[in-house]
Amino acid sequence: MAGTTASFVIVSPHDIPIYEAELGTSAGRKDDATHLNQFILHAALDIVQDVAWNTSAMFLKSVDRFNDLMVSVYVTAGHTRLMLLHDSRNEDGIKNFFQEVHELYIKILLNPLYLLGSRIASSHFDTKVRALARKYL
């Protein structure tokens, strides 16, 4: 993942971000680029909704682009959106990343202490997502 930009967000069916992570070489920096990445991801939500209604696929691939950055999306059966802003062209890796994060998300949902639609604050979840990003992106 050297030299890459990646921002990942999980958005609830009610358009509320429940998990956000800066992945890639810009991870850990809080600056204008981070806010721009969040803005690009949230601006793509309308496009995601339109594309999701016209297909039965869960992995929507790249649905939007901003300069050299692309927004790839994976929509769960419950209409939760896993969105990744990235500059890489590794479609298979991105699909595998989404599928494995979806499995982690399902495990969070199965936790009886998790309140549906609330922010995911689990450090274990965060660690696993970052490990998957290093593996696939």
C-alpha atoms as a PDB file:
ATOM      1  CA  MET A   1       0.000   0.000   0.000  1.00  0.00           C
ATOM      2  CA  ALA A   2       3.042   2.233  -0.301  1.00  0.00           C
ATOM      3  CA  GLY A   3       2.357   5.613  -1.843  1.00  0.00           C
ATOM      4  CA  THR A   4      -1.395   5.209  -1.872  1.00  0.00           C
ATOM      5  CA  THR A   5      -4.249   7.329  -0.661  1.00  0.00           C
ATOM      6  CA  ALA A   6      -7.243   5.590   0.799  1.00  0.00           C
ATOM      7  CA  SER A   7     -10.131   6.679   2.978  1.00  0.00           C
ATOM      8  CA  PHE A   8     -12.693   4.148   4.106  1.00  0.00           C
ATOM      9  CA  VAL A   9     -16.118   4.784   5.590  1.00  0.00           C
ATOM     10  CA  ILE A  10     -19.096   2.628   6.522  1.00  0.00           C
ATOM     11  CA  VAL A  11     -22.372   4.516   6.087  1.00  0.00           C
ATOM     12  CA  SER A  12     -25.600   3.309   7.693  1.00  0.00           C
ATOM     13  CA  PRO A  13     -28.832   3.025   5.678  1.00  0.00           C
ATOM     14  CA  HIS A  14     -29.798   6.376   7.249  1.00  0.00           C
ATOM     15  CA  ASP A  15     -26.709   8.104   5.750  1.00  0.00           C
ATOM     16  CA  ILE A  16     -24.871   8.297   9.068  1.00  0.00           C
ATOM     17  CA  PRO A  17     -21.158   7.391   9.044  1.00  0.00           C
ATOM     18  CA  ILE A  18     -20.678   4.640  11.625  1.00  0.00           C
ATOM     19  CA  TYR A  19     -16.981   3.947  10.969  1.00  0.00           C
ATOM     20  CA  GLU A  20     -14.233   6.011   9.325  1.00  0.00           C
ATOM     21  CA  ALA A  21     -10.555   5.260   8.726  1.00  0.00           C
ATOM     22  CA  GLU A  22      -7.733   6.932   6.865  1.00  0.00           C
ATOM     23  CA  LEU A  23      -5.708   4.182   5.221  1.00  0.00           C
ATOM     24  CA  GLY A  24      -2.537   4.387   3.160  1.00  0.00           C
ATOM     25  CA  THR A  25       0.389   6.757   3.442  1.00  0.00           C
ATOM     26  CA  SER A  26      -1.766   9.689   4.542  1.00  0.00           C
ATOM     27  CA  ALA A  27      -3.095   7.726   7.537  1.00  0.00           C
ATOM     28  CA  GLY A  28      -2.749   9.471  10.860  1.00  0.00           C
ATOM     29  CA  ARG A  29      -2.707  13.002   9.440  1.00  0.00           C
ATOM     30  CA  LYS A  30      -5.528  15.393  10.265  1.00  0.00           C
ATOM     31  CA  ASP A  31      -5.440  18.092   7.633  1.00  0.00           C
ATOM     32  CA  ASP A  32      -7.394  19.505   4.708  1.00  0.00           C
ATOM     33  CA  ALA A  33      -6.814  16.362   2.630  1.00  0.00           C
ATOM     34  CA  THR A  34      -8.638  14.269   5.237  1.00  0.00           C
ATOM     35  CA  HIS A  35     -11.609  16.624   5.175  1.00  0.00           C
ATOM     36  CA  LEU A  36     -11.592  16.683   1.373  1.00  0.00           C
ATOM     37  CA  ASN A  37     -11.606  12.865   1.297  1.00  0.00           C
ATOM     38  CA  GLN A  38     -14.600  12.785   3.640  1.00  0.00           C
ATOM     39  CA  PHE A  39     -16.396  15.370   1.506  1.00  0.00           C
ATOM     40  CA  ILE A  40     -15.785  13.375  -1.707  1.00  0.00           C
ATOM     41  CA  LEU A  41     -17.085  10.179  -0.093  1.00  0.00           C
ATOM     42  CA  HIS A  42     -20.214  11.812   1.276  1.00  0.00           C
ATOM     43  CA  ALA A  43     -20.874  13.625  -2.005  1.00  0.00           C
ATOM     44  CA  ALA A  44     -20.906  10.247  -3.771  1.00  0.00           C
ATOM     45  CA  LEU A  45     -23.817   8.938  -1.668  1.00  0.00           C
ATOM     46  CA  ASP A  46     -26.462  10.101  -4.176  1.00  0.00           C
ATOM     47  CA  ILE A  47     -24.639   8.380  -7.022  1.00  0.00           C
ATOM     48  CA  VAL A  48     -24.348   5.223  -4.934  1.00  0.00           C
ATOM     49  CA  GLN A  49     -28.095   5.241  -4.297  1.00  0.00           C
ATOM     50  CA  ASP A  50     -28.858   5.576  -8.016  1.00  0.00           C
ATOM     51  CA  VAL A  51     -26.412   2.837  -9.023  1.00  0.00           C
ATOM     52  CA  ALA A  52     -27.543   0.477  -6.225  1.00  0.00           C
ATOM     53  CA  TRP A  53     -31.177   0.620  -7.383  1.00  0.00           C
ATOM     54  CA  ASN A  54     -30.193  -0.402 -10.920  1.00  0.00           C
ATOM     55  CA  THR A  55     -28.198  -3.534 -10.067  1.00  0.00           C
ATOM     56  CA  SER A  56     -28.397  -6.572  -7.841  1.00  0.00           C
ATOM     57  CA  ALA A  57     -24.604  -6.689  -7.387  1.00  0.00           C
ATOM     58  CA  MET A  58     -23.187  -5.877  -3.980  1.00  0.00           C
ATOM     59  CA  PHE A  59     -19.799  -4.681  -5.284  1.00  0.00           C
ATOM     60  CA  LEU A  60     -20.536  -1.584  -7.357  1.00  0.00           C
ATOM     61  CA  LYS A  61     -16.904  -1.038  -8.386  1.00  0.00           C
ATOM     62  CA  SER A  62     -15.948   2.568  -9.078  1.00  0.00           C
ATOM     63  CA  VAL A  63     -19.034   4.800  -9.020  1.00  0.00           C
ATOM     64  CA  ASP A  64     -17.453   8.265  -8.891  1.00  0.00           C
ATOM     65  CA  ARG A  65     -14.145   9.957  -9.451  1.00  0.00           C
ATOM     66  CA  PHE A  66     -12.456  13.168  -8.330  1.00  0.00           C
ATOM     67  CA  ASN A  67      -9.212  14.060 -10.109  1.00  0.00           C
ATOM     68  CA  ASP A  68      -7.092  10.892  -9.782  1.00  0.00           C
ATOM     69  CA  LEU A  69      -9.174   9.473  -6.901  1.00  0.00           C
ATOM     70  CA  MET A  70     -11.969   6.932  -7.341  1.00  0.00           C
ATOM     71  CA  VAL A  71     -14.856   5.961  -5.067  1.00  0.00           C
ATOM     72  CA  SER A  72     -15.561   2.229  -4.951  1.00  0.00           C
ATOM     73  CA  VAL A  73     -18.604   0.946  -3.096  1.00  0.00           C
ATOM     74  CA  TYR A  74     -19.952  -2.281  -1.651  1.00  0.00           C
ATOM     75  CA  VAL A  75     -23.617  -2.315  -0.579  1.00  0.00           C
ATOM     76  CA  THR A  76     -24.796  -4.869   1.976  1.00  0.00           C
ATOM     77  CA  ALA A  77     -28.208  -6.533   1.899  1.00  0.00           C
ATOM     78  CA  GLY A  78     -29.319  -4.125   4.644  1.00  0.00           C
ATOM     79  CA  HIS A  79     -28.281  -1.123   2.478  1.00  0.00           C
ATOM     80  CA  THR A  80     -25.236  -0.266   4.562  1.00  0.00           C
ATOM     81  CA  ARG A  81     -22.600   1.214   2.244  1.00  0.00           C
ATOM     82  CA  LEU A  82     -18.899   0.392   2.526  1.00  0.00           C
ATOM     83  CA  MET A  83     -17.147   3.184   0.619  1.00  0.00           C
ATOM     84  CA  LEU A  84     -13.476   3.448  -0.295  1.00  0.00           C
ATOM     85  CA  LEU A  85     -11.789   6.505  -1.795  1.00  0.00           C
ATOM     86  CA  HIS A  86      -8.574   5.341  -3.440  1.00  0.00           C
ATOM     87  CA  ASP A  87      -6.065   6.031  -6.190  1.00  0.00           C
ATOM     88  CA  SER A  88      -5.165   2.416  -6.987  1.00  0.00           C
ATOM     89  CA  ARG A  89      -6.584   0.305  -9.807  1.00  0.00           C
ATOM     90  CA  ASN A  90      -6.526  -3.022  -7.956  1.00  0.00           C
ATOM     91  CA  GLU A  91     -10.186  -3.992  -8.462  1.00  0.00           C
ATOM     92  CA  ASP A  92      -9.790  -7.598  -7.276  1.00  0.00           C
ATOM     93  CA  GLY A  93      -7.976  -6.484  -4.120  1.00  0.00           C
ATOM     94  CA  ILE A  94     -10.639  -3.872  -3.402  1.00  0.00           C
ATOM     95  CA  LYS A  95     -13.413  -6.451  -3.860  1.00  0.00           C
ATOM     96  CA  ASN A  96     -11.656  -8.879  -1.488  1.00  0.00           C
ATOM     97  CA  PHE A  97     -11.135  -6.053   1.032  1.00  0.00           C
ATOM     98  CA  PHE A  98     -14.848  -5.205   0.938  1.00  0.00           C
ATOM     99  CA  GLN A  99     -15.933  -8.836   1.290  1.00  0.00           C
ATOM    100  CA  GLU A 100     -13.751  -9.429   4.329  1.00  0.00           C
ATOM    101  CA  VAL A 101     -14.738  -6.122   5.968  1.00  0.00           C
ATOM    102  CA  HIS A 102     -18.378  -7.100   5.342  1.00  0.00           C
ATOM    103  CA  GLU A 103     -17.757 -10.324   7.293  1.00  0.00           C
ATOM    104  CA  LEU A 104     -16.248  -8.285  10.156  1.00  0.00           C
ATOM    105  CA  TYR A 105     -19.250  -5.942  10.053  1.00  0.00           C
ATOM    106  CA  ILE A 106     -21.649  -8.901  10.301  1.00  0.00           C
ATOM    107  CA  LYS A 107     -19.770 -10.064  13.411  1.00  0.00           C
ATOM    108  CA  ILE A 108     -20.269  -6.585  14.913  1.00  0.00           C
ATOM    109  CA  LEU A 109     -24.001  -6.798  14.125  1.00  0.00           C
ATOM    110  CA  LEU A 110     -24.217 -10.189  15.865  1.00  0.00           C
ATOM    111  CA  ASN A 111     -22.852  -8.689  19.080  1.00  0.00           C
ATOM    112  CA  PRO A 112     -25.848  -8.277  21.425  1.00  0.00           C
ATOM    113  CA  LEU A 113     -24.214  -5.196  22.993  1.00  0.00           C
ATOM    114  CA  TYR A 114     -23.979  -3.334  19.675  1.00  0.00           C
ATOM    115  CA  LEU A 115     -26.812  -0.861  19.048  1.00  0.00           C
ATOM    116  CA  LEU A 116     -27.778  -0.951  15.361  1.00  0.00           C
ATOM    117  CA  GLY A 117     -26.770   2.246  13.567  1.00  0.00           C
ATOM    118  CA  SER A 118     -24.403   3.439  16.302  1.00  0.00           C
ATOM    119  CA  ARG A 119     -20.745   4.245  15.759  1.00  0.00           C
ATOM    120  CA  ILE A 120     -18.384   1.256  15.653  1.00  0.00           C
ATOM    121  CA  ALA A 121     -15.851   2.019  18.385  1.00  0.00           C
ATOM    122  CA  SER A 122     -14.235  -1.411  18.632  1.00  0.00           C
ATOM    123  CA  SER A 123     -10.446  -1.222  18.545  1.00  0.00           C
ATOM    124  CA  HIS A 124     -10.398  -4.877  17.460  1.00  0.00           C
ATOM    125  CA  PHE A 125     -12.575  -4.013  14.426  1.00  0.00           C
ATOM    126  CA  ASP A 126     -10.321  -1.052  13.577  1.00  0.00           C
ATOM    127  CA  THR A 127      -7.177  -3.174  13.831  1.00  0.00           C
ATOM    128  CA  LYS A 128      -8.663  -5.874  11.583  1.00  0.00           C
ATOM    129  CA  VAL A 129      -9.812  -3.320   8.953  1.00  0.00           C
ATOM    130  CA  ARG A 130      -6.330  -1.762   8.841  1.00  0.00           C
ATOM    131  CA  ALA A 131      -4.736  -5.204   8.525  1.00  0.00           C
ATOM    132  CA  LEU A 132      -7.070  -6.032   5.618  1.00  0.00           C
ATOM    133  CA  ALA A 133      -6.172  -2.709   3.981  1.00  0.00           C
ATOM    134  CA  ARG A 134      -2.473  -3.549   4.205  1.00  0.00           C
ATOM    135  CA  LYS A 135      -3.183  -7.011   2.781  1.00  0.00           C
ATOM    136  CA  TYR A 136      -5.416  -6.050  -0.169  1.00  0.00           C
ATOM    137  CA  LEU A 137      -4.991  -2.377  -1.038  1.00  0.00           C
END
